[in-house]
Amino acid sequence: MPRSNRPRRNASGSRSGKPAGKWTEPADELDLERARAGIARRESAPDGDWMVRTMTARKAEKQYICPGCSTAILPGIAHLVVWSDDHLFGEAAGLAERRHWHTNCWTSRTYRYR
């Protein structure tokens, strides 16, 4: 009979009866909604550089007014959170002036040249 080169282990997965390290620990569950929506992307347009983050319907809990159409974005409606990346007074000021837009209003906005 050929010799087996694999180490022998009991039913618990280790020789000493203790759990066998990082692979037997329960893994944290991945939140797919957060993974999809948590990262802001940079968009460049003639009216400046913008940071755009998707707000899923599940995470939309408050009512906002869309600056594109001046109508309400109701709770439970997916939309975009947009802020200026090249604000005159810095990154923190741009983030403080962030606005919530309907997705269609943001993509179809007109660029104003001054």
N, C-alpha and C. Protein backbone atom coordinates (compact mmCIF):
# COMPACT_ATOMS: atom_id res chain seq x y z
N MET A 1 0.84 -1.17 0.00
CA MET A 1 0.00 0.00 0.00
C MET A 1 0.89 1.24 0.00
N PRO A 2 0.56 2.23 -0.86
CA PRO A 2 1.39 3.44 -0.91
C PRO A 2 1.25 4.27 0.37
N ARG A 3 2.30 4.96 0.67
CA ARG A 3 2.34 5.79 1.87
C ARG A 3 1.65 7.12 1.61
N SER A 4 0.88 7.61 2.57
CA SER A 4 0.22 8.91 2.45
C SER A 4 1.12 9.97 3.06
N ASN A 5 1.39 11.04 2.30
CA ASN A 5 2.25 12.11 2.80
C ASN A 5 1.48 13.23 3.48
N ARG A 6 0.16 13.10 3.54
CA ARG A 6 -0.64 14.12 4.20
C ARG A 6 -0.64 13.90 5.70
N PRO A 7 -0.56 15.00 6.49
CA PRO A 7 -0.63 14.82 7.95
C PRO A 7 -2.04 14.39 8.35
N ARG A 8 -2.13 13.58 9.36
CA ARG A 8 -3.42 13.10 9.84
C ARG A 8 -3.98 14.10 10.86
N ARG A 9 -5.26 14.40 10.70
CA ARG A 9 -5.91 15.35 11.61
C ARG A 9 -7.22 14.76 12.07
N ASN A 10 -7.62 15.17 13.25
CA ASN A 10 -8.91 14.68 13.75
C ASN A 10 -10.05 15.50 13.14
N ALA A 11 -11.26 15.25 13.53
CA ALA A 11 -12.45 15.87 12.93
C ALA A 11 -12.51 17.37 13.15
N SER A 12 -11.85 17.92 14.18
CA SER A 12 -11.91 19.35 14.43
C SER A 12 -11.00 20.14 13.50
N GLY A 13 -10.16 19.50 12.75
CA GLY A 13 -9.34 20.19 11.77
C GLY A 13 -7.92 20.48 12.24
N SER A 14 -7.57 20.12 13.44
CA SER A 14 -6.20 20.33 13.89
C SER A 14 -5.75 19.17 14.75
N ARG A 15 -4.49 19.09 15.01
CA ARG A 15 -3.94 17.98 15.79
C ARG A 15 -4.26 18.11 17.28
N SER A 16 -4.33 19.32 17.79
CA SER A 16 -4.51 19.51 19.22
C SER A 16 -5.98 19.62 19.63
N GLY A 17 -6.90 19.64 18.69
CA GLY A 17 -8.30 19.77 19.02
C GLY A 17 -8.79 21.20 19.06
N LYS A 18 -7.88 22.18 18.90
CA LYS A 18 -8.25 23.60 18.85
C LYS A 18 -8.60 23.98 17.42
N PRO A 19 -9.33 25.07 17.22
CA PRO A 19 -9.60 25.52 15.84
C PRO A 19 -8.30 25.78 15.09
N ALA A 20 -8.31 25.54 13.80
CA ALA A 20 -7.08 25.57 13.01
C ALA A 20 -6.79 26.92 12.39
N GLY A 21 -6.83 28.00 13.13
CA GLY A 21 -6.36 29.28 12.64
C GLY A 21 -7.40 30.13 11.95
N LYS A 22 -6.90 31.02 11.06
CA LYS A 22 -7.74 32.04 10.47
C LYS A 22 -8.81 31.50 9.54
N TRP A 23 -8.66 30.32 9.00
CA TRP A 23 -9.63 29.80 8.04
C TRP A 23 -10.87 29.22 8.70
N THR A 24 -10.80 28.92 9.98
CA THR A 24 -11.97 28.38 10.66
C THR A 24 -12.77 29.45 11.39
N GLU A 25 -12.23 30.68 11.46
CA GLU A 25 -12.96 31.78 12.09
C GLU A 25 -14.06 32.24 11.13
N PRO A 26 -15.23 32.63 11.66
CA PRO A 26 -16.28 33.12 10.76
C PRO A 26 -15.87 34.45 10.13
N ALA A 27 -16.09 34.56 8.84
CA ALA A 27 -15.73 35.78 8.11
C ALA A 27 -16.81 36.83 8.29
N ASP A 28 -16.42 38.10 8.30
CA ASP A 28 -17.39 39.18 8.36
C ASP A 28 -18.18 39.19 7.06
N GLU A 29 -19.49 39.44 7.19
CA GLU A 29 -20.33 39.47 6.00
C GLU A 29 -20.10 40.76 5.22
N LEU A 30 -20.00 40.66 3.92
CA LEU A 30 -19.75 41.79 3.05
C LEU A 30 -21.06 42.53 2.78
N ASP A 31 -21.08 43.82 3.01
CA ASP A 31 -22.25 44.64 2.74
C ASP A 31 -22.15 45.13 1.30
N LEU A 32 -22.87 44.50 0.39
CA LEU A 32 -22.77 44.83 -1.02
C LEU A 32 -23.26 46.23 -1.33
N GLU A 33 -24.28 46.70 -0.63
CA GLU A 33 -24.78 48.06 -0.85
C GLU A 33 -23.69 49.07 -0.53
N ARG A 34 -22.99 48.87 0.56
CA ARG A 34 -21.91 49.79 0.95
C ARG A 34 -20.74 49.70 -0.02
N ALA A 35 -20.44 48.50 -0.46
CA ALA A 35 -19.34 48.33 -1.40
C ALA A 35 -19.64 49.01 -2.73
N ARG A 36 -20.89 48.95 -3.17
CA ARG A 36 -21.26 49.57 -4.44
C ARG A 36 -21.32 51.08 -4.34
N ALA A 37 -21.74 51.61 -3.21
CA ALA A 37 -22.04 53.03 -3.13
C ALA A 37 -21.05 53.83 -2.31
N GLY A 38 -20.14 53.21 -1.62
CA GLY A 38 -19.31 53.92 -0.68
C GLY A 38 -18.17 54.73 -1.25
N ILE A 39 -17.81 54.52 -2.49
CA ILE A 39 -16.63 55.16 -3.05
C ILE A 39 -17.04 56.28 -3.99
N ALA A 40 -16.49 57.44 -3.76
CA ALA A 40 -16.76 58.59 -4.64
C ALA A 40 -15.85 58.52 -5.86
N ARG A 41 -16.39 58.93 -6.98
CA ARG A 41 -15.59 58.97 -8.21
C ARG A 41 -15.42 60.43 -8.64
N ARG A 42 -14.35 60.69 -9.34
CA ARG A 42 -14.06 62.05 -9.80
C ARG A 42 -14.57 62.22 -11.22
N GLU A 43 -15.30 63.31 -11.45
CA GLU A 43 -15.78 63.65 -12.78
C GLU A 43 -15.27 65.03 -13.14
N SER A 44 -14.71 65.15 -14.32
CA SER A 44 -14.26 66.44 -14.82
C SER A 44 -15.24 66.91 -15.88
N ALA A 45 -15.60 68.19 -15.80
CA ALA A 45 -16.55 68.78 -16.74
C ALA A 45 -16.11 70.23 -16.99
N PRO A 46 -16.71 70.89 -17.98
CA PRO A 46 -16.35 72.29 -18.23
C PRO A 46 -16.64 73.21 -17.04
N ASP A 47 -17.53 72.79 -16.16
CA ASP A 47 -17.82 73.63 -14.99
C ASP A 47 -16.99 73.26 -13.77
N GLY A 48 -15.99 72.42 -13.91
CA GLY A 48 -15.08 72.10 -12.82
C GLY A 48 -14.91 70.61 -12.59
N ASP A 49 -14.15 70.29 -11.55
CA ASP A 49 -13.95 68.90 -11.14
C ASP A 49 -14.90 68.60 -10.00
N TRP A 50 -15.56 67.45 -10.06
CA TRP A 50 -16.58 67.09 -9.09
C TRP A 50 -16.31 65.71 -8.53
N MET A 51 -16.63 65.52 -7.28
CA MET A 51 -16.64 64.21 -6.65
C MET A 51 -18.10 63.78 -6.60
N VAL A 52 -18.39 62.58 -7.09
CA VAL A 52 -19.75 62.09 -7.20
C VAL A 52 -19.84 60.74 -6.48
N ARG A 53 -20.79 60.64 -5.56
CA ARG A 53 -21.02 59.39 -4.83
C ARG A 53 -22.47 58.97 -5.02
N THR A 54 -22.69 57.70 -5.31
CA THR A 54 -24.03 57.18 -5.49
C THR A 54 -24.66 56.90 -4.14
N MET A 55 -25.89 57.36 -3.97
CA MET A 55 -26.66 57.09 -2.76
C MET A 55 -27.74 56.09 -3.16
N THR A 56 -27.68 54.88 -2.62
CA THR A 56 -28.66 53.86 -2.98
C THR A 56 -30.00 54.16 -2.33
N ALA A 57 -31.04 53.54 -2.84
CA ALA A 57 -32.38 53.75 -2.30
C ALA A 57 -32.47 53.29 -0.85
N ARG A 58 -31.73 52.28 -0.50
CA ARG A 58 -31.75 51.76 0.87
C ARG A 58 -31.14 52.76 1.86
N LYS A 59 -30.12 53.48 1.42
CA LYS A 59 -29.44 54.43 2.30
C LYS A 59 -30.06 55.83 2.29
N ALA A 60 -30.93 56.12 1.33
CA ALA A 60 -31.55 57.44 1.23
C ALA A 60 -32.66 57.54 2.27
N GLU A 61 -32.39 58.26 3.35
CA GLU A 61 -33.33 58.31 4.47
C GLU A 61 -33.95 59.68 4.69
N LYS A 62 -33.44 60.71 4.06
CA LYS A 62 -33.94 62.07 4.26
C LYS A 62 -34.44 62.65 2.94
N GLN A 63 -35.16 63.74 3.03
CA GLN A 63 -35.64 64.43 1.84
C GLN A 63 -34.70 65.57 1.51
N TYR A 64 -34.37 65.72 0.23
CA TYR A 64 -33.49 66.79 -0.25
C TYR A 64 -34.16 67.48 -1.43
N ILE A 65 -33.68 68.66 -1.77
CA ILE A 65 -34.14 69.39 -2.94
C ILE A 65 -33.03 69.32 -3.99
N CYS A 66 -33.37 68.83 -5.16
CA CYS A 66 -32.41 68.71 -6.26
C CYS A 66 -32.15 70.10 -6.85
N PRO A 67 -30.89 70.54 -6.94
CA PRO A 67 -30.61 71.85 -7.53
C PRO A 67 -30.84 71.88 -9.05
N GLY A 68 -30.94 70.75 -9.69
CA GLY A 68 -31.14 70.72 -11.13
C GLY A 68 -32.57 71.00 -11.55
N CYS A 69 -33.53 70.46 -10.79
CA CYS A 69 -34.94 70.62 -11.17
C CYS A 69 -35.78 71.27 -10.07
N SER A 70 -35.18 71.55 -8.93
CA SER A 70 -35.84 72.19 -7.79
C SER A 70 -37.04 71.41 -7.27
N THR A 71 -37.02 70.10 -7.43
CA THR A 71 -38.05 69.26 -6.84
C THR A 71 -37.44 68.37 -5.77
N ALA A 72 -38.29 67.75 -4.97
CA ALA A 72 -37.82 66.96 -3.84
C ALA A 72 -37.28 65.61 -4.28
N ILE A 73 -36.23 65.19 -3.60
CA ILE A 73 -35.75 63.82 -3.70
C ILE A 73 -36.27 63.15 -2.43
N LEU A 74 -37.24 62.29 -2.57
CA LEU A 74 -37.91 61.68 -1.43
C LEU A 74 -37.06 60.56 -0.83
N PRO A 75 -37.29 60.24 0.45
CA PRO A 75 -36.58 59.10 1.05
C PRO A 75 -36.89 57.82 0.28
N GLY A 76 -35.87 57.00 0.10
CA GLY A 76 -36.03 55.74 -0.63
C GLY A 76 -35.80 55.87 -2.12
N ILE A 77 -35.38 57.03 -2.60
CA ILE A 77 -35.09 57.24 -4.02
C ILE A 77 -33.57 57.31 -4.20
N ALA A 78 -33.04 56.49 -5.08
CA ALA A 78 -31.60 56.51 -5.35
C ALA A 78 -31.24 57.82 -6.03
N HIS A 79 -30.10 58.41 -5.64
CA HIS A 79 -29.68 59.68 -6.22
C HIS A 79 -28.16 59.82 -6.08
N LEU A 80 -27.62 60.98 -6.41
CA LEU A 80 -26.19 61.24 -6.33
C LEU A 80 -25.90 62.33 -5.32
N VAL A 81 -24.78 62.21 -4.64
CA VAL A 81 -24.27 63.26 -3.77
C VAL A 81 -23.05 63.84 -4.48
N VAL A 82 -23.06 65.14 -4.71
CA VAL A 82 -22.03 65.79 -5.53
C VAL A 82 -21.41 66.95 -4.76
N TRP A 83 -20.09 67.06 -4.81
CA TRP A 83 -19.41 68.21 -4.22
C TRP A 83 -18.21 68.59 -5.08
N SER A 84 -17.79 69.84 -4.94
CA SER A 84 -16.71 70.38 -5.75
C SER A 84 -15.37 69.86 -5.26
N ASP A 85 -14.56 69.38 -6.19
CA ASP A 85 -13.23 68.90 -5.84
C ASP A 85 -12.19 70.01 -5.94
N ASP A 86 -12.50 71.07 -6.68
CA ASP A 86 -11.55 72.18 -6.84
C ASP A 86 -12.12 73.48 -6.27
N HIS A 87 -12.67 73.39 -5.07
CA HIS A 87 -13.28 74.54 -4.41
C HIS A 87 -12.21 75.59 -4.09
N LEU A 88 -12.58 76.85 -4.19
CA LEU A 88 -11.66 77.96 -3.95
C LEU A 88 -11.06 77.91 -2.55
N PHE A 89 -11.86 77.50 -1.55
CA PHE A 89 -11.41 77.50 -0.16
C PHE A 89 -10.98 76.13 0.33
N GLY A 90 -10.76 75.20 -0.57
CA GLY A 90 -10.20 73.91 -0.20
C GLY A 90 -11.20 72.77 -0.23
N GLU A 91 -10.67 71.60 0.04
CA GLU A 91 -11.43 70.37 -0.03
C GLU A 91 -12.55 70.31 1.00
N ALA A 92 -12.28 70.78 2.22
CA ALA A 92 -13.30 70.73 3.28
C ALA A 92 -14.48 71.64 2.96
N ALA A 93 -14.22 72.80 2.37
CA ALA A 93 -15.30 73.71 2.00
C ALA A 93 -16.15 73.12 0.88
N GLY A 94 -15.53 72.46 -0.07
CA GLY A 94 -16.28 71.80 -1.13
C GLY A 94 -17.17 70.70 -0.60
N LEU A 95 -16.66 69.92 0.36
CA LEU A 95 -17.43 68.86 0.97
C LEU A 95 -18.60 69.42 1.79
N ALA A 96 -18.38 70.56 2.45
CA ALA A 96 -19.45 71.17 3.24
C ALA A 96 -20.58 71.70 2.36
N GLU A 97 -20.29 72.01 1.11
CA GLU A 97 -21.30 72.53 0.20
C GLU A 97 -21.84 71.45 -0.74
N ARG A 98 -21.79 70.19 -0.33
CA ARG A 98 -22.27 69.12 -1.19
C ARG A 98 -23.78 69.21 -1.39
N ARG A 99 -24.23 68.72 -2.53
CA ARG A 99 -25.65 68.77 -2.90
C ARG A 99 -26.10 67.40 -3.37
N HIS A 100 -27.38 67.12 -3.19
CA HIS A 100 -27.99 65.87 -3.61
C HIS A 100 -28.75 66.12 -4.90
N TRP A 101 -28.44 65.35 -5.95
CA TRP A 101 -29.01 65.51 -7.28
C TRP A 101 -29.73 64.23 -7.70
N HIS A 102 -30.82 64.39 -8.46
CA HIS A 102 -31.36 63.24 -9.18
C HIS A 102 -30.30 62.80 -10.17
N THR A 103 -30.19 61.51 -10.40
CA THR A 103 -29.18 61.00 -11.32
C THR A 103 -29.36 61.59 -12.72
N ASN A 104 -30.59 61.64 -13.21
CA ASN A 104 -30.85 62.17 -14.54
C ASN A 104 -30.57 63.68 -14.61
N CYS A 105 -30.89 64.41 -13.56
CA CYS A 105 -30.61 65.85 -13.55
C CYS A 105 -29.10 66.11 -13.61
N TRP A 106 -28.32 65.31 -12.92
CA TRP A 106 -26.87 65.48 -12.92
C TRP A 106 -26.28 65.18 -14.30
N THR A 107 -26.72 64.10 -14.92
CA THR A 107 -26.14 63.73 -16.20
C THR A 107 -26.60 64.63 -17.34
N SER A 108 -27.75 65.26 -17.20
CA SER A 108 -28.25 66.12 -18.28
C SER A 108 -28.13 67.61 -17.96
N ARG A 109 -27.34 67.97 -16.96
CA ARG A 109 -27.23 69.38 -16.60
C ARG A 109 -26.54 70.15 -17.73
N THR A 110 -26.80 71.42 -17.82
CA THR A 110 -26.15 72.25 -18.83
C THR A 110 -24.96 72.93 -18.18
N TYR A 111 -23.92 73.08 -18.94
CA TYR A 111 -22.71 73.74 -18.45
C TYR A 111 -22.82 75.22 -18.78
N ARG A 112 -22.55 76.04 -17.81
CA ARG A 112 -22.63 77.49 -18.02
C ARG A 112 -21.21 78.06 -18.11
N TYR A 113 -20.95 78.76 -19.17
CA TYR A 113 -19.63 79.37 -19.37
C TYR A 113 -19.74 80.84 -19.04
N ARG A 114 -18.83 81.33 -18.21
CA ARG A 114 -18.84 82.75 -17.83
C ARG A 114 -17.54 83.38 -18.21
